[in-house]
Protein backbone atom coordinates (compact mmCIF):
# COMPACT_ATOMS: atom_id res chain seq x y z
CA MET A 1 86.41 103.53 113.06
CA GLY A 2 88.42 100.77 111.39
CA ILE A 3 88.54 102.43 107.97
CA VAL A 4 89.18 105.85 109.52
CA GLY A 5 91.95 104.40 111.68
CA THR A 6 93.62 102.74 108.70
CA TRP A 7 93.36 105.93 106.67
CA GLY A 8 94.90 107.87 109.53
CA ALA A 9 97.77 105.39 109.76
CA MET A 10 98.39 105.62 106.00
CA LYS A 11 98.41 109.43 106.20
CA ALA A 12 100.84 109.34 109.12
CA VAL A 13 103.19 107.06 107.18
CA PHE A 14 102.98 109.37 104.15
CA ASP A 15 103.77 112.37 106.35
CA HIS A 16 106.88 110.51 107.53
CA ARG A 17 107.94 109.44 104.02
CA GLN A 18 111.36 111.09 104.42
CA LEU A 19 112.01 108.99 107.51
CA LEU A 20 110.82 105.92 105.61
CA SER A 21 113.23 106.68 102.76
CA LEU A 22 116.04 107.19 105.27
CA LEU A 23 115.32 103.84 106.96
CA VAL A 24 115.33 102.03 103.61
CA ARG A 25 118.73 103.50 102.70
CA ARG A 26 120.03 102.66 106.17
CA ASP A 27 118.89 99.04 105.88
CA VAL A 28 120.53 98.63 102.48
CA LYS A 29 123.81 100.19 103.66
CA ALA A 30 123.84 98.24 106.94
CA ARG A 31 123.32 94.95 105.13
CA TYR A 32 126.54 95.24 103.16
CA LYS A 33 128.61 97.23 105.65
CA ASP A 34 132.17 95.87 106.02
CA SER A 35 131.46 93.37 103.24
CA ALA A 36 134.16 92.96 100.59
CA LEU A 37 131.68 92.06 97.83
CA GLY A 38 128.93 94.43 98.94
CA VAL A 39 125.81 94.44 96.78
CA LEU A 40 127.16 91.50 94.76
CA TRP A 41 125.82 89.24 97.52
CA THR A 42 122.34 90.04 96.24
CA LEU A 43 123.35 88.16 93.09
CA ILE A 44 125.49 85.39 94.55
CA ASN A 45 122.76 83.84 96.72
CA PRO A 46 120.13 83.40 93.97
CA ILE A 47 122.76 82.25 91.48
CA VAL A 48 123.95 79.55 93.90
CA GLN A 49 120.32 78.52 94.41
CA LEU A 50 119.83 78.42 90.65
CA VAL A 51 122.86 76.18 90.16
CA VAL A 52 121.78 73.81 92.94
CA TYR A 53 118.19 73.49 91.73
CA TYR A 54 119.21 73.31 88.07
CA VAL A 55 121.73 70.53 88.68
CA VAL A 56 120.01 68.56 91.45
CA MET A 57 116.34 68.98 90.55
CA GLY A 58 116.68 69.56 86.83
CA GLN A 59 119.45 67.24 85.71
CA ILE A 60 119.85 64.59 88.44
CA LEU A 61 116.18 64.19 89.45
CA GLY A 62 114.93 64.86 85.91
CA ALA A 63 112.57 67.79 86.49
CA ALA A 64 114.07 69.60 83.48
CA ARG A 65 112.89 66.87 81.07
CA GLY A 66 109.36 68.23 80.99
CA ILE A 67 110.24 71.94 81.14
CA GLU A 68 111.97 73.70 78.25
CA ASP A 69 114.46 76.45 79.19
CA PHE A 70 114.51 75.06 82.72
CA ALA A 71 117.18 77.53 83.90
CA ILE A 72 114.98 80.56 83.07
CA TYR A 73 111.95 78.81 84.55
CA VAL A 74 113.68 78.14 87.87
CA PHE A 75 115.45 81.50 88.11
CA SER A 76 112.27 83.49 87.44
CA GLY A 77 110.42 81.53 90.13
CA LEU A 78 113.27 81.93 92.60
CA THR A 79 113.43 85.68 91.93
CA ILE A 80 109.80 86.40 92.80
CA PHE A 81 109.89 83.96 95.73
CA GLY A 82 113.06 85.69 96.95
CA LEU A 83 111.12 88.95 97.21
CA MET A 84 108.49 87.27 99.39
CA SER A 85 111.12 85.53 101.51
CA GLU A 86 113.31 88.58 102.13
CA ALA A 87 110.34 90.87 102.72
CA LEU A 88 108.71 88.58 105.30
CA THR A 89 111.99 87.86 107.07
CA GLY A 90 112.89 91.55 107.30
CA THR A 91 109.47 92.86 108.25
CA THR A 92 108.91 90.25 110.96
CA GLY A 93 111.98 91.36 112.91
CA SER A 94 111.73 95.05 112.04
CA ILE A 95 110.09 96.34 115.24
CA ILE A 96 112.56 94.51 117.48
CA ALA A 97 115.48 95.61 115.32
CA ASN A 98 114.40 99.23 115.82
CA ALA A 99 113.59 98.89 119.52
CA GLY A 100 115.67 101.94 120.41
CA LEU A 101 113.67 104.20 118.11
CA VAL A 102 110.35 102.65 119.09
CA LYS A 103 110.95 103.33 122.79
CA LYS A 104 112.33 106.87 122.44
CA VAL A 105 110.72 108.54 119.42
CA TYR A 106 107.11 108.72 118.36
CA VAL A 107 106.73 107.79 114.71
CA PRO A 108 104.10 105.65 113.00
CA ARG A 109 105.23 102.14 113.88
CA GLU A 110 104.25 100.90 110.43
CA VAL A 111 107.28 102.67 108.92
CA PHE A 112 109.61 99.98 110.29
CA PRO A 113 108.11 96.95 108.50
CA LEU A 114 107.52 99.12 105.41
CA ALA A 115 111.20 100.14 105.43
CA SER A 116 112.17 96.45 105.42
CA MET A 117 109.77 96.00 102.51
CA GLY A 118 111.55 98.78 100.63
CA SER A 119 114.93 97.21 101.30
CA ALA A 120 113.67 93.88 99.93
CA LEU A 121 112.40 95.63 96.79
CA PHE A 122 115.87 97.10 96.22
CA THR A 123 117.43 93.62 96.27
CA PHE A 124 114.64 92.33 94.06
CA SER A 125 115.19 95.06 91.45
CA VAL A 126 118.86 94.09 91.14
CA GLN A 127 117.93 90.42 90.68
CA VAL A 128 115.35 91.28 88.01
CA VAL A 129 118.06 93.03 86.00
CA VAL A 130 120.17 89.86 86.24
CA LEU A 131 117.17 87.73 85.23
CA ILE A 132 116.56 89.86 82.14
CA ALA A 133 120.26 89.69 81.25
CA GLY A 134 120.15 85.89 81.66
CA CYS A 135 117.14 85.63 79.35
CA LEU A 136 118.92 87.71 76.70
CA ILE A 137 122.12 85.66 76.99
CA LEU A 138 120.17 82.40 76.61
CA GLY A 139 118.42 83.77 73.50
CA ALA A 140 114.95 83.99 75.08
CA PRO A 141 114.20 87.74 75.48
CA PRO A 142 111.19 88.21 77.76
CA PHE A 143 109.70 91.22 76.00
CA THR A 144 106.56 89.53 74.69
CA SER A 145 102.88 90.19 75.41
CA GLY A 146 103.21 87.98 78.51
CA PHE A 147 105.56 90.53 80.08
CA VAL A 148 102.51 92.49 81.28
CA TYR A 149 102.09 89.82 83.99
CA PHE A 150 105.23 91.19 85.65
CA ILE A 151 103.31 94.06 87.27
CA PRO A 152 100.42 92.09 88.85
CA ALA A 153 102.84 89.37 89.98
CA VAL A 154 105.00 91.89 91.85
CA ALA A 155 101.92 93.74 93.15
CA LEU A 156 100.55 90.51 94.66
CA ILE A 157 103.77 89.73 96.50
CA VAL A 158 104.20 93.31 97.74
CA LEU A 159 100.60 93.45 98.98
CA TYR A 160 100.56 90.12 100.81
CA ALA A 161 104.12 90.45 102.12
CA ALA A 162 103.30 93.90 103.49
CA ALA A 163 100.08 92.63 105.08
CA MET A 164 101.62 89.54 106.67
CA GLY A 165 104.82 91.42 107.52
CA ILE A 166 102.92 94.10 109.44
CA LEU A 167 101.01 91.41 111.34
CA PHE A 168 104.05 89.25 112.09
CA SER A 169 106.18 92.24 113.15
CA ALA A 170 103.62 93.08 115.84
CA LEU A 171 103.14 89.48 116.99
CA ASN A 172 106.90 88.99 117.14
CA VAL A 173 107.20 91.71 119.77
CA TYR A 174 105.06 89.63 122.14
CA LEU A 175 106.15 86.16 121.03
CA ARG A 176 109.67 85.87 119.57
CA ASP A 177 108.93 82.38 118.25
CA ILE A 178 107.07 84.05 115.38
CA GLN A 179 110.31 84.80 113.53
CA TYR A 180 111.23 81.10 113.55
CA LEU A 181 107.72 80.09 112.55
CA VAL A 182 107.97 82.45 109.56
CA GLN A 183 111.14 80.68 108.40
CA ILE A 184 109.34 77.32 108.52
CA LEU A 185 106.39 78.75 106.60
CA LEU A 186 108.73 80.14 103.96
CA THR A 187 110.43 76.77 103.53
CA LEU A 188 107.06 75.07 103.07
CA SER A 189 105.91 77.82 100.70
CA MET A 190 109.03 77.40 98.59
CA TRP A 191 108.14 73.80 97.80
CA ALA A 192 104.40 74.40 97.65
CA ALA A 193 104.72 76.92 94.82
CA PRO A 194 105.50 75.73 91.24
CA ILE A 195 109.10 76.98 91.24
CA VAL A 196 111.14 73.84 90.51
CA TYR A 197 108.25 71.91 88.97
CA GLY A 198 105.43 72.91 86.65
CA TRP A 199 101.83 73.76 87.47
CA LYS A 200 100.87 71.28 84.73
CA MET A 201 102.63 68.53 86.71
CA VAL A 202 100.45 69.34 89.72
CA GLN A 203 97.35 69.26 87.54
CA ASP A 204 98.37 65.85 86.18
CA VAL A 205 98.91 64.47 89.69
CA PHE A 206 95.43 65.63 90.73
CA ALA A 207 93.97 63.90 87.66
CA LEU A 208 96.02 60.73 88.22
CA TYR A 209 94.85 60.27 91.79
CA ASN A 210 91.34 61.60 91.11
CA LEU A 211 91.71 64.33 93.71
CA PRO A 212 88.88 66.89 94.05
CA SER A 213 89.07 69.77 91.59
CA TRP A 214 88.31 72.34 94.29
CA LEU A 215 91.57 71.36 96.00
CA LEU A 216 93.46 72.20 92.81
CA GLU A 217 91.66 75.55 92.75
CA VAL A 218 92.76 76.24 96.31
CA TYR A 219 96.35 75.43 95.36
CA THR A 220 96.22 77.49 92.17
CA ASN A 221 94.60 80.56 93.70
CA ASN A 222 97.18 80.84 96.46
CA PRO A 223 98.67 84.36 96.01
CA LEU A 224 102.23 83.00 95.92
CA THR A 225 101.33 80.39 93.29
CA LEU A 226 99.61 83.06 91.17
CA ALA A 227 102.59 85.41 91.49
CA VAL A 228 105.03 82.66 90.47
CA LEU A 229 102.83 81.73 87.51
CA GLY A 230 102.62 85.41 86.53
CA PHE A 231 106.39 85.73 86.70
CA HIS A 232 106.79 82.63 84.56
CA ARG A 233 104.35 84.14 82.07
CA ALA A 234 106.47 87.30 81.99
CA PHE A 235 109.93 85.74 81.64
CA TRP A 236 109.59 82.09 80.58
CA THR A 237 108.71 82.45 76.91
CA ALA A 238 108.92 78.69 76.24
CA GLY A 239 105.66 78.13 78.15
CA THR A 240 102.35 77.42 76.42
CA ASP A 241 98.74 78.08 77.48
CA ALA A 242 98.57 74.52 78.84
CA ASP A 243 101.23 75.41 81.42
CA TYR A 244 98.92 77.91 83.13
CA PRO A 245 95.43 77.79 84.63
CA PRO A 246 92.65 79.48 82.66
CA ASN A 247 91.89 83.15 83.38
CA LEU A 248 95.21 83.76 85.10
CA GLY A 249 94.81 87.55 84.88
CA LEU A 250 91.33 87.46 86.44
CA ARG A 251 92.55 85.17 89.22
CA MET A 252 95.35 87.64 90.00
CA LEU A 253 92.90 90.56 90.06
CA VAL A 254 90.60 88.76 92.51
CA ALA A 255 93.56 87.80 94.69
CA PHE A 256 94.71 91.43 94.71
CA LEU A 257 91.28 92.67 95.83
CA VAL A 258 91.20 90.03 98.58
CA GLY A 259 94.72 91.11 99.53
CA LEU A 260 93.54 94.67 100.14
CA VAL A 261 91.06 93.34 102.71
CA VAL A 262 93.79 91.18 104.27
CA LEU A 263 96.09 94.21 104.49
CA TRP A 264 93.37 96.22 106.21
CA LEU A 265 92.71 93.45 108.74
CA CYS A 266 96.43 93.02 109.47
CA GLN A 267 96.85 96.77 109.96
CA ARG A 268 93.96 96.83 112.42
CA VAL A 269 95.53 94.03 114.46
CA PHE A 270 98.85 95.90 114.34
CA ALA A 271 97.11 99.09 115.57
CA ARG A 272 95.65 97.20 118.55
CA LEU A 273 98.96 95.59 119.49
CA GLN A 274 101.29 98.56 119.05
CA GLY A 275 100.14 100.29 122.24
CA ASN A 276 102.38 98.13 124.46
CA PHE A 277 105.38 97.85 122.13
CA ALA A 278 107.58 100.07 124.31
CA GLN A 279 106.85 98.04 127.45
CA GLU A 280 107.37 94.68 125.73
CA LEU A 281 110.66 95.81 124.18
């Protein structure tokens, strides 16, 4: 029943793909409506973050001393984390934001968090173009063999963000604190992933304090950590093999397969909770 139910939900979403496309375009337009700079805000926020982290973490606190091309390193990590952050923030509030449609029109409820996912991917695509331009300007073009890690890195974030977003969007209907909890989780995730410091630094700390190796494996095999490492592999050409865990590609493949199971479980919870959405809204 579970597999059949999930398949039915996927088919229903596909049948409503035109509505999904319409909702994505609406979200993108609504975000920059009445804004003087419009889509440029998708660039301003990460650039401000880059400047802050580059100056404060890199130059003042000295993180850049052990990482060559620190600006590319930080910006690539911030770009893939930004996709996770925007996707989870948008999907969590998506059912409530579309309360009028949910109460009046029957459509597969999954289209609302998926539309927020699509909107986040639009912003992400613009930032990737800027990241590539930045790499070219700094004389470090990313088009090496490591660029193949771009696809699995994005796939991991899309899969886990969609899974968690679908779950959180349903829970948020019943308990509005979820949206604030998600923001706290994102803040913790930002510093837990190797974005402004290197994975090698984490490995050295574990060795220095003789911490158990399985704990390092847990940290490394976190989907967000793997996606950030994959993005670094794709764009940060100054990195060496020592900057990454062994078998990075295999780790990403296993995480993706686990993510499919997580997505299925989250969709089943969503299917159970969606029955009372109209009453709760």
